[in-house]
Amino acid sequence: GTILIYLGCANISGFFRAKPPTKDLNVTAGLAIISLFLIIYSGI
């Protein structure tokens, strides 16, 4: 839920003429890596 709210707010920020954080590959890669660890952790 936190990821959903963060991504929603980050992606909407472009409407207010701000650069969306998710436009940076490092942010999306960080979120994906965190998701990978969560997927592995949940299985273990």
Full PDB file with SEQRES, HELIX, SHEET, SSBOND, CRYST1, ORIGX, SCALE, CONECT and MASTER records, all heavy atoms in Angstrom:
SEQRES   1 A   44  GLY THR ILE LEU ILE TYR LEU GLY CYS ALA ASN ILE SER          
SEQRES   2 A   44  GLY PHE PHE ARG ALA LYS PRO PRO THR LYS ASP LEU ASN          
SEQRES   3 A   44  VAL THR ALA GLY LEU ALA ILE ILE SER LEU PHE LEU ILE          
SEQRES   4 A   44  ILE TYR SER GLY ILE                                          
HELIX    1 AA1 THR A    2  ILE A   12  1                                  11    
HELIX    2 AA2 SER A   13  PHE A   16  5                                   4    
HELIX    3 AA3 PRO A   21  LYS A   23  5                                   3    
HELIX    4 AA4 LEU A   25  GLY A   43  1                                  19    
CRYST1    1.000    1.000    1.000  90.00  90.00  90.00 P 1           1          
ORIGX1      1.000000  0.000000  0.000000        0.00000                         
ORIGX2      0.000000  1.000000  0.000000        0.00000                         
ORIGX3      0.000000  0.000000  1.000000        0.00000                         
SCALE1      1.000000  0.000000  0.000000        0.00000                         
SCALE2      0.000000  1.000000  0.000000        0.00000                         
SCALE3      0.000000  0.000000  1.000000        0.00000                         
ATOM      1  N   GLY A   1       0.820  -1.212   0.000  1.00  0.00           N  
ATOM      2  CA  GLY A   1       0.000   0.000   0.000  1.00  0.00           C  
ATOM      3  C   GLY A   1       0.853   1.260   0.000  1.00  0.00           C  
ATOM      4  O   GLY A   1       0.541   2.242  -0.678  1.00  0.00           O  
ATOM      5  N   THR A   2       1.940   1.227   0.752  1.00  0.00           N  
ATOM      6  CA  THR A   2       2.861   2.363   0.777  1.00  0.00           C  
ATOM      7  C   THR A   2       3.487   2.577  -0.601  1.00  0.00           C  
ATOM      8  O   THR A   2       3.600   3.721  -1.068  1.00  0.00           O  
ATOM      9  CB  THR A   2       3.954   2.138   1.838  1.00  0.00           C  
ATOM     10  OG1 THR A   2       3.329   1.938   3.098  1.00  0.00           O  
ATOM     11  CG2 THR A   2       4.899   3.317   1.908  1.00  0.00           C  
ATOM     12  N   ILE A   3       3.878   1.481  -1.256  1.00  0.00           N  
ATOM     13  CA  ILE A   3       4.442   1.586  -2.601  1.00  0.00           C  
ATOM     14  C   ILE A   3       3.402   2.147  -3.566  1.00  0.00           C  
ATOM     15  O   ILE A   3       3.714   2.994  -4.418  1.00  0.00           O  
ATOM     16  CB  ILE A   3       4.956   0.212  -3.086  1.00  0.00           C  
ATOM     17  CG1 ILE A   3       6.132  -0.251  -2.242  1.00  0.00           C  
ATOM     18  CG2 ILE A   3       5.342   0.244  -4.552  1.00  0.00           C  
ATOM     19  CD1 ILE A   3       7.358   0.609  -2.338  1.00  0.00           C  
ATOM     20  N   LEU A   4       2.148   1.707  -3.425  1.00  0.00           N  
ATOM     21  CA  LEU A   4       1.077   2.202  -4.289  1.00  0.00           C  
ATOM     22  C   LEU A   4       0.878   3.710  -4.111  1.00  0.00           C  
ATOM     23  O   LEU A   4       0.796   4.456  -5.098  1.00  0.00           O  
ATOM     24  CB  LEU A   4      -0.226   1.453  -3.994  1.00  0.00           C  
ATOM     25  CG  LEU A   4      -1.434   1.844  -4.829  1.00  0.00           C  
ATOM     26  CD1 LEU A   4      -1.219   1.470  -6.298  1.00  0.00           C  
ATOM     27  CD2 LEU A   4      -2.689   1.170  -4.302  1.00  0.00           C  
ATOM     28  N   ILE A   5       0.832   4.160  -2.881  1.00  0.00           N  
ATOM     29  CA  ILE A   5       0.653   5.598  -2.617  1.00  0.00           C  
ATOM     30  C   ILE A   5       1.861   6.384  -3.113  1.00  0.00           C  
ATOM     31  O   ILE A   5       1.721   7.441  -3.742  1.00  0.00           O  
ATOM     32  CB  ILE A   5       0.403   5.845  -1.116  1.00  0.00           C  
ATOM     33  CG1 ILE A   5      -0.959   5.269  -0.718  1.00  0.00           C  
ATOM     34  CG2 ILE A   5       0.463   7.332  -0.782  1.00  0.00           C  
ATOM     35  CD1 ILE A   5      -1.202   5.230   0.779  1.00  0.00           C  
ATOM     36  N   TYR A   6       3.067   5.886  -2.844  1.00  0.00           N  
ATOM     37  CA  TYR A   6       4.283   6.579  -3.296  1.00  0.00           C  
ATOM     38  C   TYR A   6       4.308   6.703  -4.817  1.00  0.00           C  
ATOM     39  O   TYR A   6       4.550   7.787  -5.356  1.00  0.00           O  
ATOM     40  CB  TYR A   6       5.536   5.852  -2.809  1.00  0.00           C  
ATOM     41  CG  TYR A   6       6.790   6.389  -3.453  1.00  0.00           C  
ATOM     42  CD1 TYR A   6       7.301   7.627  -3.076  1.00  0.00           C  
ATOM     43  CD2 TYR A   6       7.439   5.693  -4.463  1.00  0.00           C  
ATOM     44  CE1 TYR A   6       8.435   8.141  -3.684  1.00  0.00           C  
ATOM     45  CE2 TYR A   6       8.565   6.200  -5.070  1.00  0.00           C  
ATOM     46  CZ  TYR A   6       9.059   7.421  -4.676  1.00  0.00           C  
ATOM     47  OH  TYR A   6      10.162   7.932  -5.286  1.00  0.00           O  
ATOM     48  N   LEU A   7       4.067   5.591  -5.513  1.00  0.00           N  
ATOM     49  CA  LEU A   7       4.112   5.635  -6.977  1.00  0.00           C  
ATOM     50  C   LEU A   7       3.006   6.512  -7.538  1.00  0.00           C  
ATOM     51  O   LEU A   7       3.221   7.233  -8.518  1.00  0.00           O  
ATOM     52  CB  LEU A   7       4.020   4.225  -7.551  1.00  0.00           C  
ATOM     53  CG  LEU A   7       5.263   3.364  -7.403  1.00  0.00           C  
ATOM     54  CD1 LEU A   7       4.993   1.952  -7.889  1.00  0.00           C  
ATOM     55  CD2 LEU A   7       6.424   3.973  -8.146  1.00  0.00           C  
ATOM     56  N   GLY A   8       1.832   6.457  -6.932  1.00  0.00           N  
ATOM     57  CA  GLY A   8       0.743   7.310  -7.396  1.00  0.00           C  
ATOM     58  C   GLY A   8       1.103   8.787  -7.274  1.00  0.00           C  
ATOM     59  O   GLY A   8       0.943   9.563  -8.214  1.00  0.00           O  
ATOM     60  N   CYS A   9       1.625   9.175  -6.115  1.00  0.00           N  
ATOM     61  CA  CYS A   9       2.014  10.581  -5.908  1.00  0.00           C  
ATOM     62  C   CYS A   9       3.206  10.966  -6.793  1.00  0.00           C  
ATOM     63  O   CYS A   9       3.250  12.073  -7.341  1.00  0.00           O  
ATOM     64  CB  CYS A   9       2.349  10.819  -4.442  1.00  0.00           C  
ATOM     65  SG  CYS A   9       0.930  10.715  -3.348  1.00  0.00           S  
ATOM     66  N   ALA A  10       4.160  10.063  -6.923  1.00  0.00           N  
ATOM     67  CA  ALA A  10       5.348  10.358  -7.739  1.00  0.00           C  
ATOM     68  C   ALA A  10       4.972  10.548  -9.201  1.00  0.00           C  
ATOM     69  O   ALA A  10       5.472  11.461  -9.867  1.00  0.00           O  
ATOM     70  CB  ALA A  10       6.369   9.234  -7.601  1.00  0.00           C  
ATOM     71  N   ASN A  11       4.086   9.705  -9.705  1.00  0.00           N  
ATOM     72  CA  ASN A  11       3.707   9.808 -11.114  1.00  0.00           C  
ATOM     73  C   ASN A  11       2.813  11.013 -11.379  1.00  0.00           C  
ATOM     74  O   ASN A  11       2.877  11.600 -12.459  1.00  0.00           O  
ATOM     75  CB  ASN A  11       3.020   8.521 -11.567  1.00  0.00           C  
ATOM     76  CG  ASN A  11       3.963   7.341 -11.579  1.00  0.00           C  
ATOM     77  OD1 ASN A  11       5.174   7.506 -11.554  1.00  0.00           O  
ATOM     78  ND2 ASN A  11       3.417   6.151 -11.599  1.00  0.00           N  
ATOM     79  N   ILE A  12       2.012  11.408 -10.421  1.00  0.00           N  
ATOM     80  CA  ILE A  12       1.138  12.574 -10.587  1.00  0.00           C  
ATOM     81  C   ILE A  12       1.927  13.881 -10.516  1.00  0.00           C  
ATOM     82  O   ILE A  12       1.490  14.902 -11.032  1.00  0.00           O  
ATOM     83  CB  ILE A  12       0.009  12.552  -9.527  1.00  0.00           C  
ATOM     84  CG1 ILE A  12      -0.999  11.477  -9.891  1.00  0.00           C  
ATOM     85  CG2 ILE A  12      -0.678  13.886  -9.398  1.00  0.00           C  
ATOM     86  CD1 ILE A  12      -2.081  11.289  -8.858  1.00  0.00           C  
ATOM     87  N   SER A  13       3.109  13.849  -9.918  1.00  0.00           N  
ATOM     88  CA  SER A  13       3.885  15.081  -9.746  1.00  0.00           C  
ATOM     89  C   SER A  13       4.202  15.764 -11.082  1.00  0.00           C  
ATOM     90  O   SER A  13       4.440  16.969 -11.119  1.00  0.00           O  
ATOM     91  CB  SER A  13       5.177  14.804  -8.979  1.00  0.00           C  
ATOM     92  OG  SER A  13       6.058  14.020  -9.747  1.00  0.00           O  
ATOM     93  N   GLY A  14       4.201  15.019 -12.180  1.00  0.00           N  
ATOM     94  CA  GLY A  14       4.445  15.622 -13.489  1.00  0.00           C  
ATOM     95  C   GLY A  14       3.362  16.607 -13.889  1.00  0.00           C  
ATOM     96  O   GLY A  14       3.604  17.537 -14.658  1.00  0.00           O  
ATOM     97  N   PHE A  15       2.152  16.429 -13.371  1.00  0.00           N  
ATOM     98  CA  PHE A  15       1.051  17.350 -13.669  1.00  0.00           C  
ATOM     99  C   PHE A  15       1.358  18.745 -13.132  1.00  0.00           C  
ATOM    100  O   PHE A  15       0.936  19.743 -13.702  1.00  0.00           O  
ATOM    101  CB  PHE A  15      -0.252  16.826 -13.062  1.00  0.00           C  
ATOM    102  CG  PHE A  15      -1.441  17.679 -13.367  1.00  0.00           C  
ATOM    103  CD1 PHE A  15      -2.041  17.609 -14.611  1.00  0.00           C  
ATOM    104  CD2 PHE A  15      -1.965  18.546 -12.430  1.00  0.00           C  
ATOM    105  CE1 PHE A  15      -3.137  18.396 -14.913  1.00  0.00           C  
ATOM    106  CE2 PHE A  15      -3.056  19.329 -12.713  1.00  0.00           C  
ATOM    107  CZ  PHE A  15      -3.647  19.253 -13.969  1.00  0.00           C  
ATOM    108  N   PHE A  16       2.089  18.813 -12.049  1.00  0.00           N  
ATOM    109  CA  PHE A  16       2.423  20.095 -11.417  1.00  0.00           C  
ATOM    110  C   PHE A  16       3.768  20.621 -11.891  1.00  0.00           C  
ATOM    111  O   PHE A  16       4.404  21.406 -11.210  1.00  0.00           O  
ATOM    112  CB  PHE A  16       2.402  19.924  -9.895  1.00  0.00           C  
ATOM    113  CG  PHE A  16       1.084  19.431  -9.388  1.00  0.00           C  
ATOM    114  CD1 PHE A  16       0.932  18.115  -8.974  1.00  0.00           C  
ATOM    115  CD2 PHE A  16      -0.019  20.260  -9.374  1.00  0.00           C  
ATOM    116  CE1 PHE A  16      -0.287  17.647  -8.526  1.00  0.00           C  
ATOM    117  CE2 PHE A  16      -1.241  19.807  -8.933  1.00  0.00           C  
ATOM    118  CZ  PHE A  16      -1.379  18.500  -8.510  1.00  0.00           C  
ATOM    119  N   ARG A  17       4.193  20.139 -13.074  1.00  0.00           N  
ATOM    120  CA  ARG A  17       5.416  20.572 -13.754  1.00  0.00           C  
ATOM    121  C   ARG A  17       6.676  20.226 -12.973  1.00  0.00           C  
ATOM    122  O   ARG A  17       7.716  20.874 -13.113  1.00  0.00           O  
ATOM    123  CB  ARG A  17       5.389  22.076 -14.063  1.00  0.00           C  
ATOM    124  CG  ARG A  17       4.191  22.551 -14.858  1.00  0.00           C  
ATOM    125  CD  ARG A  17       3.931  21.847 -16.148  1.00  0.00           C  
ATOM    126  NE  ARG A  17       5.060  21.938 -17.049  1.00  0.00           N  
ATOM    127  CZ  ARG A  17       5.319  21.070 -18.002  1.00  0.00           C  
ATOM    128  NH1 ARG A  17       4.532  20.043 -18.183  1.00  0.00           N  
ATOM    129  NH2 ARG A  17       6.363  21.203 -18.782  1.00  0.00           N  
ATOM    130  N   ALA A  18       6.602  19.222 -12.120  1.00  0.00           N  
ATOM    131  CA  ALA A  18       7.781  18.712 -11.423  1.00  0.00           C  
ATOM    132  C   ALA A  18       8.246  17.455 -12.156  1.00  0.00           C  
ATOM    133  O   ALA A  18       7.458  16.765 -12.786  1.00  0.00           O  
ATOM    134  CB  ALA A  18       7.442  18.389  -9.973  1.00  0.00           C  
ATOM    135  N   LYS A  19       9.508  17.174 -12.063  1.00  0.00           N  
ATOM    136  CA  LYS A  19      10.044  15.971 -12.701  1.00  0.00           C  
ATOM    137  C   LYS A  19       9.661  14.758 -11.843  1.00  0.00           C  
ATOM    138  O   LYS A  19      10.007  14.699 -10.663  1.00  0.00           O  
ATOM    139  CB  LYS A  19      11.561  16.090 -12.797  1.00  0.00           C  
ATOM    140  CG  LYS A  19      12.233  14.900 -13.396  1.00  0.00           C  
ATOM    141  CD  LYS A  19      13.738  15.120 -13.425  1.00  0.00           C  
ATOM    142  CE  LYS A  19      14.430  13.780 -13.387  1.00  0.00           C  
ATOM    143  NZ  LYS A  19      15.849  13.893 -13.180  1.00  0.00           N  
ATOM    144  N   PRO A  20       8.945  13.794 -12.417  1.00  0.00           N  
ATOM    145  CA  PRO A  20       8.559  12.617 -11.624  1.00  0.00           C  
ATOM    146  C   PRO A  20       9.789  11.813 -11.200  1.00  0.00           C  
ATOM    147  O   PRO A  20      10.679  11.563 -12.016  1.00  0.00           O  
ATOM    148  CB  PRO A  20       7.696  11.788 -12.580  1.00  0.00           C  
ATOM    149  CG  PRO A  20       7.436  12.641 -13.763  1.00  0.00           C  
ATOM    150  CD  PRO A  20       8.432  13.743 -13.775  1.00  0.00           C  
ATOM    151  N   PRO A  21       9.868  11.413  -9.936  1.00  0.00           N  
ATOM    152  CA  PRO A  21      11.016  10.617  -9.485  1.00  0.00           C  
ATOM    153  C   PRO A  21      11.134   9.293 -10.235  1.00  0.00           C  
ATOM    154  O   PRO A  21      12.233   8.784 -10.417  1.00  0.00           O  
ATOM    155  CB  PRO A  21      10.747  10.367  -8.006  1.00  0.00           C  
ATOM    156  CG  PRO A  21       9.654  11.276  -7.622  1.00  0.00           C  
ATOM    157  CD  PRO A  21       8.953  11.709  -8.849  1.00  0.00           C  
ATOM    158  N   THR A  22      10.014   8.754 -10.679  1.00  0.00           N  
ATOM    159  CA  THR A  22      10.036   7.469 -11.377  1.00  0.00           C  
ATOM    160  C   THR A  22      10.559   7.601 -12.803  1.00  0.00           C  
ATOM    161  O   THR A  22      10.669   6.602 -13.506  1.00  0.00           O  
ATOM    162  CB  THR A  22       8.637   6.842 -11.379  1.00  0.00           C  
ATOM    163  OG1 THR A  22       7.679   7.812 -11.781  1.00  0.00           O  
ATOM    164  CG2 THR A  22       8.282   6.323 -10.010  1.00  0.00           C  
ATOM    165  N   LYS A  23      10.878   8.820 -13.213  1.00  0.00           N  
ATOM    166  CA  LYS A  23      11.523   9.037 -14.509  1.00  0.00           C  
ATOM    167  C   LYS A  23      13.008   8.674 -14.443  1.00  0.00           C  
ATOM    168  O   LYS A  23      13.658   8.503 -15.456  1.00  0.00           O  
ATOM    169  CB  LYS A  23      11.344  10.498 -14.921  1.00  0.00           C  
ATOM    170  CG  LYS A  23      11.858  10.827 -16.296  1.00  0.00           C  
ATOM    171  CD  LYS A  23      11.658  12.298 -16.571  1.00  0.00           C  
ATOM    172  CE  LYS A  23      12.646  12.779 -17.570  1.00  0.00           C  
ATOM    173  NZ  LYS A  23      13.889  13.277 -17.030  1.00  0.00           N  
ATOM    174  N   ASP A  24      13.514   8.513 -13.236  1.00  0.00           N  
ATOM    175  CA  ASP A  24      14.907   8.126 -13.019  1.00  0.00           C  
ATOM    176  C   ASP A  24      14.981   6.605 -12.884  1.00  0.00           C  
ATOM    177  O   ASP A  24      14.266   5.998 -12.084  1.00  0.00           O  
ATOM    178  CB  ASP A  24      15.431   8.793 -11.749  1.00  0.00           C  
ATOM    179  CG  ASP A  24      16.900   8.534 -11.514  1.00  0.00           C  
ATOM    180  OD1 ASP A  24      17.545   7.878 -12.355  1.00  0.00           O  
ATOM    181  OD2 ASP A  24      17.411   9.001 -10.480  1.00  0.00           O  
ATOM    182  N   LEU A  25      15.837   5.992 -13.666  1.00  0.00           N  
ATOM    183  CA  LEU A  25      15.978   4.535 -13.660  1.00  0.00           C  
ATOM    184  C   LEU A  25      16.408   4.011 -12.291  1.00  0.00           C  
ATOM    185  O   LEU A  25      16.036   2.908 -11.900  1.00  0.00           O  
ATOM    186  CB  LEU A  25      16.969   4.100 -14.740  1.00  0.00           C  
ATOM    187  CG  LEU A  25      17.120   2.606 -14.966  1.00  0.00           C  
ATOM    188  CD1 LEU A  25      15.792   1.977 -15.350  1.00  0.00           C  
ATOM    189  CD2 LEU A  25      18.158   2.343 -16.040  1.00  0.00           C  
ATOM    190  N   ASN A  26      17.167   4.787 -11.538  1.00  0.00           N  
ATOM    191  CA  ASN A  26      17.621   4.345 -10.219  1.00  0.00           C  
ATOM    192  C   ASN A  26      16.461   4.141  -9.249  1.00  0.00           C  
ATOM    193  O   ASN A  26      16.477   3.217  -8.439  1.00  0.00           O  
ATOM    194  CB  ASN A  26      18.616   5.344  -9.628  1.00  0.00           C  
ATOM    195  CG  ASN A  26      19.882   5.420 -10.425  1.00  0.00           C  
ATOM    196  OD1 ASN A  26      20.423   4.407 -10.842  1.00  0.00           O  
ATOM    197  ND2 ASN A  26      20.347   6.634 -10.669  1.00  0.00           N  
ATOM    198  N   VAL A  27      15.459   5.002  -9.331  1.00  0.00           N  
ATOM    199  CA  VAL A  27      14.299   4.876  -8.450  1.00  0.00           C  
ATOM    200  C   VAL A  27      13.515   3.620  -8.786  1.00  0.00           C  
ATOM    201  O   VAL A  27      13.169   2.834  -7.894  1.00  0.00           O  
ATOM    202  CB  VAL A  27      13.399   6.134  -8.552  1.00  0.00           C  
ATOM    203  CG1 VAL A  27      12.109   5.943  -7.774  1.00  0.00           C  
ATOM    204  CG2 VAL A  27      14.142   7.357  -8.055  1.00  0.00           C  
ATOM    205  N   THR A  28      13.229   3.406 -10.060  1.00  0.00           N  
ATOM    206  CA  THR A  28      12.450   2.228 -10.436  1.00  0.00           C  
ATOM    207  C   THR A  28      13.248   0.946 -10.193  1.00  0.00           C  
ATOM    208  O   THR A  28      12.673  -0.065  -9.784  1.00  0.00           O  
ATOM    209  CB  THR A  28      11.996   2.307 -11.902  1.00  0.00           C  
ATOM    210  OG1 THR A  28      13.132   2.410 -12.760  1.00  0.00           O  
ATOM    211  CG2 THR A  28      11.083   3.486 -12.122  1.00  0.00           C  
ATOM    212  N   ALA A  29      14.559   0.988 -10.405  1.00  0.00           N  
ATOM    213  CA  ALA A  29      15.385  -0.194 -10.123  1.00  0.00           C  
ATOM    214  C   ALA A  29      15.407  -0.480  -8.625  1.00  0.00           C  
ATOM    215  O   ALA A  29      15.327  -1.648  -8.214  1.00  0.00           O  
ATOM    216  CB  ALA A  29      16.805   0.015 -10.640  1.00  0.00           C  
ATOM    217  N   GLY A  30      15.499   0.553  -7.811  1.00  0.00           N  
ATOM    218  CA  GLY A  30      15.463   0.364  -6.360  1.00  0.00           C  
ATOM    219  C   GLY A  30      14.152  -0.256  -5.901  1.00  0.00           C  
ATOM    220  O   GLY A  30      14.143  -1.176  -5.073  1.00  0.00           O  
ATOM    221  N   LEU A  31      13.044   0.232  -6.441  1.00  0.00           N  
ATOM    222  CA  LEU A  31      11.746  -0.347  -6.097  1.00  0.00           C  
ATOM    223  C   LEU A  31      11.642  -1.802  -6.545  1.00  0.00           C  
ATOM    224  O   LEU A  31      11.098  -2.645  -5.835  1.00  0.00           O  
ATOM    225  CB  LEU A  31      10.612   0.473  -6.721  1.00  0.00           C  
ATOM    226  CG  LEU A  31      10.373   1.849  -6.120  1.00  0.00           C  
ATOM    227  CD1 LEU A  31       9.412   2.645  -6.988  1.00  0.00           C  
ATOM    228  CD2 LEU A  31       9.839   1.720  -4.715  1.00  0.00           C  
ATOM    229  N   ALA A  32      12.174  -2.091  -7.717  1.00  0.00           N  
ATOM    230  CA  ALA A  32      12.132  -3.465  -8.221  1.00  0.00           C  
ATOM    231  C   ALA A  32      13.001  -4.394  -7.384  1.00  0.00           C  
ATOM    232  O   ALA A  32      12.614  -5.538  -7.119  1.00  0.00           O  
ATOM    233  CB  ALA A  32      12.567  -3.493  -9.680  1.00  0.00           C  
ATOM    234  N   ILE A  33      14.155  -3.924  -6.945  1.00  0.00           N  
ATOM    235  CA  ILE A  33      15.034  -4.752  -6.110  1.00  0.00           C  
ATOM    236  C   ILE A  33      14.389  -5.002  -4.747  1.00  0.00           C  
ATOM    237  O   ILE A  33      14.436  -6.127  -4.219  1.00  0.00           O  
ATOM    238  CB  ILE A  33      16.422  -4.102  -5.978  1.00  0.00           C  
ATOM    239  CG1 ILE A  33      17.153  -4.189  -7.319  1.00  0.00           C  
ATOM    240  CG2 ILE A  33      17.243  -4.761  -4.870  1.00  0.00           C  
ATOM    241  CD1 ILE A  33      18.418  -3.366  -7.396  1.00  0.00           C  
ATOM    242  N   ILE A  34      13.771  -3.977  -4.184  1.00  0.00           N  
ATOM    243  CA  ILE A  34      13.060  -4.163  -2.922  1.00  0.00           C  
ATOM    244  C   ILE A  34      11.936  -5.181  -3.101  1.00  0.00           C  
ATOM    245  O   ILE A  34      11.725  -6.049  -2.246  1.00  0.00           O  
ATOM    246  CB  ILE A  34      12.512  -2.813  -2.406  1.00  0.00           C  
ATOM    247  CG1 ILE A  34      13.652  -1.913  -1.963  1.00  0.00           C  
ATOM    248  CG2 ILE A  34      11.538  -3.031  -1.252  1.00  0.00           C  
ATOM    249  CD1 ILE A  34      13.241  -0.489  -1.672  1.00  0.00           C  
ATOM    250  N   SER A  35      11.237  -5.095  -4.219  1.00  0.00           N  
ATOM    251  CA  SER A  35      10.169  -6.062  -4.498  1.00  0.00           C  
ATOM    252  C   SER A  35      10.732  -7.470  -4.636  1.00  0.00           C  
ATOM    253  O   SER A  35      10.121  -8.438  -4.163  1.00  0.00           O  
ATOM    254  CB  SER A  35       9.415  -5.670  -5.770  1.00  0.00           C  
ATOM    255  OG  SER A  35       8.739  -4.456  -5.583  1.00  0.00           O  
ATOM    256  N   LEU A  36      11.893  -7.603  -5.274  1.00  0.00           N  
ATOM    257  CA  LEU A  36      12.527  -8.914  -5.411  1.00  0.00           C  
ATOM    258  C   LEU A  36      12.833  -9.504  -4.038  1.00  0.00           C  
ATOM    259  O   LEU A  36      12.524 -10.669  -3.774  1.00  0.00           O  
ATOM    260  CB  LEU A  36      13.819  -8.809  -6.231  1.00  0.00           C  
ATOM    261  CG  LEU A  36      14.695 -10.061  -6.258  1.00  0.00           C  
ATOM    262  CD1 LEU A  36      14.011 -11.181  -7.017  1.00  0.00           C  
ATOM    263  CD2 LEU A  36      16.047  -9.739  -6.859  1.00  0.00           C  
ATOM    264  N   PHE A  37      13.426  -8.705  -3.157  1.00  0.00           N  
ATOM    265  CA  PHE A  37      13.733  -9.203  -1.818  1.00  0.00           C  
ATOM    266  C   PHE A  37      12.463  -9.564  -1.051  1.00  0.00           C  
ATOM    267  O   PHE A  37      12.447 -10.542  -0.305  1.00  0.00           O  
ATOM    268  CB  PHE A  37      14.573  -8.191  -1.030  1.00  0.00           C  
ATOM    269  CG  PHE A  37      16.001  -8.143  -1.468  1.00  0.00           C  
ATOM    270  CD1 PHE A  37      16.583  -6.936  -1.825  1.00  0.00           C  
ATOM    271  CD2 PHE A  37      16.769  -9.298  -1.545  1.00  0.00           C  
ATOM    272  CE1 PHE A  37      17.908  -6.885  -2.232  1.00  0.00           C  
ATOM    273  CE2 PHE A  37      18.087  -9.263  -1.951  1.00  0.00           C  
ATOM    274  CZ  PHE A  37      18.669  -8.049  -2.297  1.00  0.00           C  
ATOM    275  N   LEU A  38      11.405  -8.795  -1.239  1.00  0.00           N  
ATOM    276  CA  LEU A  38      10.141  -9.102  -0.571  1.00  0.00           C  
ATOM    277  C   LEU A  38       9.545 -10.405  -1.094  1.00  0.00           C  
ATOM    278  O   LEU A  38       9.016 -11.210  -0.320  1.00  0.00           O  
ATOM    279  CB  LEU A  38       9.151  -7.955  -0.751  1.00  0.00           C  
ATOM    280  CG  LEU A  38       7.834  -8.115   0.008  1.00  0.00           C  
ATOM    281  CD1 LEU A  38       8.075  -8.119   1.512  1.00  0.00           C  
ATOM    282  CD2 LEU A  38       6.878  -7.013  -0.374  1.00  0.00           C  
ATOM    283  N   ILE A  39       9.640 -10.630  -2.380  1.00  0.00           N  
ATOM    284  CA  ILE A  39       9.133 -11.869  -2.974  1.00  0.00           C  
ATOM    285  C   ILE A  39       9.913 -13.067  -2.434  1.00  0.00           C  
ATOM    286  O   ILE A  39       9.326 -14.081  -2.039  1.00  0.00           O  
ATOM    287  CB  ILE A  39       9.210 -11.795  -4.511  1.00  0.00           C  
ATOM    288  CG1 ILE A  39       8.231 -10.752  -5.046  1.00  0.00           C  
ATOM    289  CG2 ILE A  39       8.926 -13.150  -5.141  1.00  0.00           C  
ATOM    290  CD1 ILE A  39       8.484 -10.345  -6.483  1.00  0.00           C  
ATOM    291  N   ILE A  40      11.236 -12.959  -2.390  1.00  0.00           N  
ATOM    292  CA  ILE A  40      12.067 -14.044  -1.866  1.00  0.00           C  
ATOM    293  C   ILE A  40      11.776 -14.259  -0.376  1.00  0.00           C  
ATOM    294  O   ILE A  40      11.592 -15.395   0.083  1.00  0.00           O  
ATOM    295  CB  ILE A  40      13.564 -13.757  -2.101  1.00  0.00           C  
ATOM    296  CG1 ILE A  40      13.875 -13.786  -3.597  1.00  0.00           C  
ATOM    297  CG2 ILE A  40      14.441 -14.750  -1.348  1.00  0.00           C  
ATOM    298  CD1 ILE A  40      15.262 -13.286  -3.946  1.00  0.00           C  
ATOM    299  N   TYR A  41      11.705 -13.160   0.385  1.00  0.00           N  
ATOM    300  CA  TYR A  41      11.435 -13.265   1.817  1.00  0.00           C  
ATOM    301  C   TYR A  41      10.093 -13.929   2.083  1.00  0.00           C  
ATOM    302  O   TYR A  41       9.976 -14.773   2.975  1.00  0.00           O  
ATOM    303  CB  TYR A  41      11.476 -11.880   2.471  1.00  0.00           C  
ATOM    304  CG  TYR A  41      10.950 -11.902   3.883  1.00  0.00           C  
ATOM    305  CD1 TYR A  41      11.739 -12.359   4.932  1.00  0.00           C  
ATOM    306  CD2 TYR A  41       9.650 -11.492   4.167  1.00  0.00           C  
ATOM    307  CE1 TYR A  41      11.253 -12.400   6.226  1.00  0.00           C  
ATOM    308  CE2 TYR A  41       9.154 -11.532   5.459  1.00  0.00           C  
ATOM    309  CZ  TYR A  41       9.950 -11.985   6.478  1.00  0.00           C  
ATOM    310  OH  TYR A  41       9.469 -12.032   7.757  1.00  0.00           O  
ATOM    311  N   SER A  42       9.081 -13.544   1.319  1.00  0.00           N  
ATOM    312  CA  SER A  42       7.746 -14.116   1.551  1.00  0.00           C  
ATOM    313  C   SER A  42       7.742 -15.612   1.299  1.00  0.00           C  
ATOM    314  O   SER A  42       7.104 -16.372   2.035  1.00  0.00           O  
ATOM    315  CB  SER A  42       6.700 -13.412   0.688  1.00  0.00           C  
ATOM    316  OG  SER A  42       6.932 -13.647  -0.681  1.00  0.00           O  
ATOM    317  N   GLY A  43       8.462 -16.062   0.276  1.00  0.00           N  
ATOM    318  CA  GLY A  43       8.549 -17.493   0.003  1.00  0.00           C  
ATOM    319  C   GLY A  43       9.293 -18.243   1.094  1.00  0.00           C  
ATOM    320  O   GLY A  43       8.872 -19.317   1.526  1.00  0.00           O  
ATOM    321  N   ILE A  44      10.405 -17.679   1.559  1.00  0.00           N  
ATOM    322  CA  ILE A  44      11.176 -18.324   2.624  1.00  0.00           C  
ATOM    323  C   ILE A  44      10.382 -18.318   3.927  1.00  0.00           C  
ATOM    324  O   ILE A  44      10.374 -19.308   4.666  1.00  0.00           O  
ATOM    325  CB  ILE A  44      12.547 -17.633   2.796  1.00  0.00           C  
ATOM    326  CG1 ILE A  44      13.415 -17.882   1.562  1.00  0.00           C  
ATOM    327  CG2 ILE A  44      13.254 -18.110   4.056  1.00  0.00           C  
ATOM    328  CD1 ILE A  44      14.705 -17.099   1.541  1.00  0.00           C  
TER     329      ILE A  44                                                      
MASTER        0    0    0    4    0    0    0    6  328    1    0    4          
END                                                                             
